[in-house]
Amino acid sequence: MTSKVGEAIGNKFEESVATNLCEDNGCMGEYLRLRVEIDSSKPLKRYTVMGRNIKTGQPRVCMAKYERLPHFCFLCGVIGHEYQLFLDLPEGNLPHFQFGDWLRVELPKSKDFT
């Protein structure tokens, strides 16, 4: 993968600001970090489709994970409020949450070397 490919992926999510391809064999393995501008009034993107697999024809899905993600609603995916604002929904209608903590990146804890 190249930075140019990373930028193309970033632009599929939102406006790509910076890309960082980490090929290091560190604790997180190989990954692509994108910095993108997002519109916080719109739902977070959970994934994007990047073409199709040549052999199978299946869509190539690129999952999103976010660093330093503030509170957001697991029901509608919008940043700035939580599910509690939807507690007035009709009883008996349990919502299907399309968003969740799985959108957050778990960053490794820094070690104290003192």
Protein backbone atom coordinates (compact mmCIF):
# COMPACT_ATOMS: atom_id res chain seq x y z
CA MET A 1 0.00 0.00 0.00
CA THR A 2 1.16 3.52 -0.69
CA SER A 3 0.36 6.95 0.74
CA LYS A 4 -1.52 7.71 -2.48
CA VAL A 5 -3.79 4.69 -1.93
CA GLY A 6 -4.23 5.80 1.69
CA GLU A 7 -5.28 9.25 0.56
CA ALA A 8 -7.82 7.73 -1.85
CA ILE A 9 -9.27 5.67 1.01
CA GLY A 10 -9.36 8.76 3.24
CA ASN A 11 -11.22 10.72 0.59
CA LYS A 12 -13.85 7.97 0.44
CA PHE A 13 -14.57 8.61 4.12
CA GLU A 14 -14.30 12.41 4.18
CA GLU A 15 -11.79 15.09 3.18
CA SER A 16 -8.34 13.52 3.66
CA VAL A 17 -5.89 15.78 5.49
CA ALA A 18 -2.92 13.47 6.10
CA THR A 19 -1.94 9.82 5.69
CA ASN A 20 0.54 7.71 7.61
CA LEU A 21 1.33 4.16 6.51
CA CYS A 22 2.92 2.22 9.37
CA GLU A 23 4.69 -0.90 8.15
CA ASP A 24 6.47 -1.39 11.45
CA ASN A 25 6.17 -4.76 13.14
CA GLY A 26 5.27 -3.07 16.42
CA CYS A 27 2.49 -3.96 18.80
CA MET A 28 -0.25 -2.90 16.38
CA GLY A 29 1.15 -4.53 13.23
CA GLU A 30 0.79 -2.92 9.81
CA TYR A 31 -1.89 -0.25 9.59
CA LEU A 32 -2.87 2.89 7.77
CA ARG A 33 -3.63 6.00 9.79
CA LEU A 34 -5.65 8.72 8.12
CA ARG A 35 -6.41 12.18 9.35
CA VAL A 36 -9.68 13.37 7.87
CA GLU A 37 -12.01 16.28 8.40
CA ILE A 38 -15.45 15.08 9.40
CA ASP A 39 -18.77 16.88 9.58
CA SER A 40 -19.87 16.27 13.18
CA SER A 41 -23.50 16.98 12.28
CA LYS A 42 -23.58 13.84 10.09
CA PRO A 43 -23.40 10.20 11.22
CA LEU A 44 -19.93 8.66 11.48
CA LYS A 45 -18.98 6.42 8.59
CA ARG A 46 -18.58 2.81 9.69
CA TYR A 47 -16.98 1.60 6.46
CA THR A 48 -16.48 2.40 2.81
CA VAL A 49 -16.45 0.17 -0.26
CA MET A 50 -13.24 0.26 -2.30
CA GLY A 51 -14.16 -1.49 -5.54
CA ARG A 52 -14.60 -5.24 -5.93
CA ASN A 53 -12.38 -8.28 -5.56
CA ILE A 54 -11.28 -9.31 -9.06
CA LYS A 55 -11.61 -13.06 -8.37
CA THR A 56 -14.82 -13.20 -6.34
CA GLY A 57 -16.61 -10.02 -7.36
CA GLN A 58 -17.30 -9.34 -3.70
CA PRO A 59 -17.09 -5.72 -2.51
CA ARG A 60 -13.83 -4.74 -0.83
CA VAL A 61 -14.89 -3.19 2.45
CA CYS A 62 -12.60 -0.90 4.42
CA MET A 63 -13.73 -0.62 8.06
CA ALA A 64 -13.33 2.65 9.96
CA LYS A 65 -11.94 3.09 13.45
CA TYR A 66 -11.51 6.45 15.11
CA GLU A 67 -8.89 7.74 17.56
CA ARG A 68 -9.87 10.22 20.26
CA LEU A 69 -13.53 9.89 19.38
CA PRO A 70 -15.78 11.94 21.70
CA HIS A 71 -19.21 10.78 22.88
CA PHE A 72 -21.51 9.83 20.05
CA CYS A 73 -24.91 8.23 19.69
CA PHE A 74 -24.92 4.45 19.15
CA LEU A 75 -28.34 4.79 17.50
CA CYS A 76 -27.80 7.53 14.91
CA GLY A 77 -23.97 7.84 14.87
CA VAL A 78 -23.87 11.60 15.40
CA ILE A 79 -21.16 13.11 17.62
CA GLY A 80 -22.26 15.28 20.53
CA HIS A 81 -25.14 13.39 22.07
CA GLU A 82 -25.73 9.90 23.37
CA TYR A 83 -28.54 7.39 23.09
CA GLN A 84 -30.29 8.84 26.17
CA LEU A 85 -31.81 11.55 23.96
CA PHE A 86 -33.86 8.82 22.26
CA LEU A 87 -35.36 7.38 25.46
CA ASP A 88 -38.79 8.67 24.45
CA LEU A 89 -39.03 6.06 21.68
CA PRO A 90 -42.15 3.84 21.88
CA GLU A 91 -41.77 1.07 24.46
CA GLY A 92 -41.17 -2.43 23.18
CA ASN A 93 -39.21 -1.14 20.20
CA LEU A 94 -35.64 -2.06 21.04
CA PRO A 95 -33.46 -0.21 18.55
CA HIS A 96 -30.83 -1.95 16.47
CA PHE A 97 -27.60 -0.12 17.18
CA GLN A 98 -25.58 0.30 14.00
CA PHE A 99 -22.82 2.13 15.87
CA GLY A 100 -20.85 1.24 18.98
CA ASP A 101 -17.57 1.28 20.87
CA TRP A 102 -16.11 -0.95 18.15
CA LEU A 103 -15.61 2.27 16.14
CA ARG A 104 -12.98 3.39 18.66
CA VAL A 105 -9.32 2.44 18.27
CA GLU A 106 -7.81 1.01 21.42
CA LEU A 107 -4.44 2.70 21.53
CA PRO A 108 -1.67 0.81 23.34
CA LYS A 109 -0.94 2.06 26.82
CA SER A 110 2.41 3.82 27.07
CA LYS A 111 4.81 2.08 29.43
CA ASP A 112 6.40 3.82 32.36
CA PHE A 113 10.16 3.36 32.07
CA THR A 114 11.13 5.07 35.33
